[in-house]
C-alpha atoms as a PDB file:
ATOM      1  CA  UNK A   1       9.089  25.745  -0.634  1.00  0.00           C
ATOM      2  CA  UNK A   2       7.856  24.265  -3.867  1.00  0.00           C
ATOM      3  CA  UNK A   3       7.018  25.441  -7.122  1.00  0.00           C
ATOM      4  CA  UNK A   4       4.127  27.693  -6.221  1.00  0.00           C
ATOM      5  CA  UNK A   5       3.951  30.270  -3.568  1.00  0.00           C
ATOM      6  CA  UNK A   6       0.768  31.419  -1.583  1.00  0.00           C
ATOM      7  CA  UNK A   7       0.281  34.957  -3.259  1.00  0.00           C
ATOM      8  CA  UNK A   8      -2.984  36.799  -3.021  1.00  0.00           C
ATOM      9  CA  UNK A   9      -4.937  37.047  -6.339  1.00  0.00           C
ATOM     10  CA  UNK A  10      -4.048  39.969  -8.438  1.00  0.00           C
ATOM     11  CA  UNK A  11      -5.694  41.435 -12.050  1.00  0.00           C
ATOM     12  CA  UNK A  12      -4.462  40.037 -15.057  1.00  0.00           C
ATOM     13  CA  UNK A  13      -3.564  43.039 -17.255  1.00  0.00           C
ATOM     14  CA  UNK A  14      -5.501  41.529 -19.986  1.00  0.00           C
ATOM     15  CA  UNK A  15      -8.152  40.192 -18.590  1.00  0.00           C
ATOM     16  CA  UNK A  16      -9.653  43.007 -16.172  1.00  0.00           C
ATOM     17  CA  UNK A  17     -13.130  40.866 -15.171  1.00  0.00           C
ATOM     18  CA  UNK A  18     -11.085  37.530 -14.160  1.00  0.00           C
ATOM     19  CA  UNK A  19      -8.960  37.024 -11.483  1.00  0.00           C
ATOM     20  CA  UNK A  20      -5.845  34.578 -11.440  1.00  0.00           C
ATOM     21  CA  UNK A  21      -4.673  32.895  -8.161  1.00  0.00           C
ATOM     22  CA  UNK A  22      -1.697  31.002  -7.698  1.00  0.00           C
ATOM     23  CA  UNK A  23      -1.911  27.453  -6.522  1.00  0.00           C
ATOM     24  CA  UNK A  24      -1.646  27.029  -2.933  1.00  0.00           C
ATOM     25  CA  UNK A  25       0.006  24.420  -0.956  1.00  0.00           C
ATOM     26  CA  UNK A  26      -1.302  20.924  -0.875  1.00  0.00           C
ATOM     27  CA  UNK A  27      -3.281  19.377   1.569  1.00  0.00           C
ATOM     28  CA  UNK A  28      -2.086  17.014   4.411  1.00  0.00           C
ATOM     29  CA  UNK A  29      -3.618  13.736   2.095  1.00  0.00           C
ATOM     30  CA  UNK A  30      -2.049  14.890  -0.911  1.00  0.00           C
ATOM     31  CA  UNK A  31       1.349  15.364   0.459  1.00  0.00           C
ATOM     32  CA  UNK A  32       1.208  12.209   2.407  1.00  0.00           C
ATOM     33  CA  UNK A  33      -0.856   9.815   0.437  1.00  0.00           C
ATOM     34  CA  UNK A  34       1.726   7.858  -0.933  1.00  0.00           C
ATOM     35  CA  UNK A  35       3.213   7.106   2.847  1.00  0.00           C
ATOM     36  CA  UNK A  36      -0.240   6.022   3.938  1.00  0.00           C
ATOM     37  CA  UNK A  37      -0.904   3.707   0.916  1.00  0.00           C
ATOM     38  CA  UNK A  38       2.524   2.074   1.478  1.00  0.00           C
ATOM     39  CA  UNK A  39       1.886   1.434   5.127  1.00  0.00           C
ATOM     40  CA  UNK A  40      -1.565   0.269   4.329  1.00  0.00           C
ATOM     41  CA  UNK A  41      -0.203  -2.309   1.475  1.00  0.00           C
ATOM     42  CA  UNK A  42       2.291  -3.480   3.854  1.00  0.00           C
ATOM     43  CA  UNK A  43      -0.102  -4.196   6.675  1.00  0.00           C
ATOM     44  CA  UNK A  44      -2.319  -5.690   4.201  1.00  0.00           C
ATOM     45  CA  UNK A  45       0.822  -7.920   2.701  1.00  0.00           C
ATOM     46  CA  UNK A  46       1.508  -8.958   6.273  1.00  0.00           C
ATOM     47  CA  UNK A  47      -1.779  -9.876   6.940  1.00  0.00           C
ATOM     48  CA  UNK A  48      -2.662 -11.857   4.116  1.00  0.00           C
ATOM     49  CA  UNK A  49       0.707 -13.656   4.503  1.00  0.00           C
ATOM     50  CA  UNK A  50      -0.092 -14.607   8.084  1.00  0.00           C
ATOM     51  CA  UNK A  51      -3.505 -15.896   6.775  1.00  0.00           C
ATOM     52  CA  UNK A  52      -2.106 -18.253   4.270  1.00  0.00           C
ATOM     53  CA  UNK A  53      -1.729 -21.887   5.678  1.00  0.00           C
ATOM     54  CA  UNK A  54       1.190 -23.620   4.314  1.00  0.00           C
ATOM     55  CA  UNK A  55       0.221 -27.080   2.972  1.00  0.00           C
ATOM     56  CA  UNK A  56       1.281 -29.879   5.711  1.00  0.00           C
ATOM     57  CA  UNK A  57       3.615 -32.127   4.916  1.00  0.00           C
ATOM     58  CA  UNK A  58       2.403 -35.497   3.976  1.00  0.00           C
ATOM     59  CA  UNK A  59       2.746 -37.888   6.595  1.00  0.00           C
ATOM     60  CA  UNK A  60       4.725 -41.161   5.824  1.00  0.00           C
ATOM     61  CA  UNK A  61       3.151 -44.661   6.499  1.00  0.00           C
ATOM     62  CA  UNK A  62       5.046 -46.437   9.004  1.00  0.00           C
ATOM     63  CA  UNK A  63       6.819 -49.489   7.528  1.00  0.00           C
ATOM     64  CA  UNK A  64       4.546 -52.815   7.990  1.00  0.00           C
ATOM     65  CA  UNK A  65       5.813 -55.180  10.436  1.00  0.00           C
ATOM     66  CA  UNK A  66       7.725 -58.230   8.698  1.00  0.00           C
ATOM     67  CA  UNK A  67       5.375 -60.942   8.173  1.00  0.00           C
ATOM     68  CA  UNK A  68       5.869 -64.038  10.163  1.00  0.00           C
ATOM     69  CA  UNK A  69       6.712 -66.906   8.371  1.00  0.00           C
ATOM     70  CA  UNK A  70       4.253 -70.168   8.968  1.00  0.00           C
ATOM     71  CA  UNK A  71       6.523 -72.737   8.710  1.00  0.00           C
END
């Protein structure tokens, strides 16, 4: 699975004092961090959207009653 395979270290023919190792399999965090961050971002986004108060609609003043004529 993947590009790199688990292999025991072996001596390089040109560098007998050094050992080169193949890359191992990634940790759980490296394999799944994009999923964790996506879910966390969605949860934070929904929480922020829930905290956002929409502006109340302006209350309309009732029409004044017709003025009584004094005649």
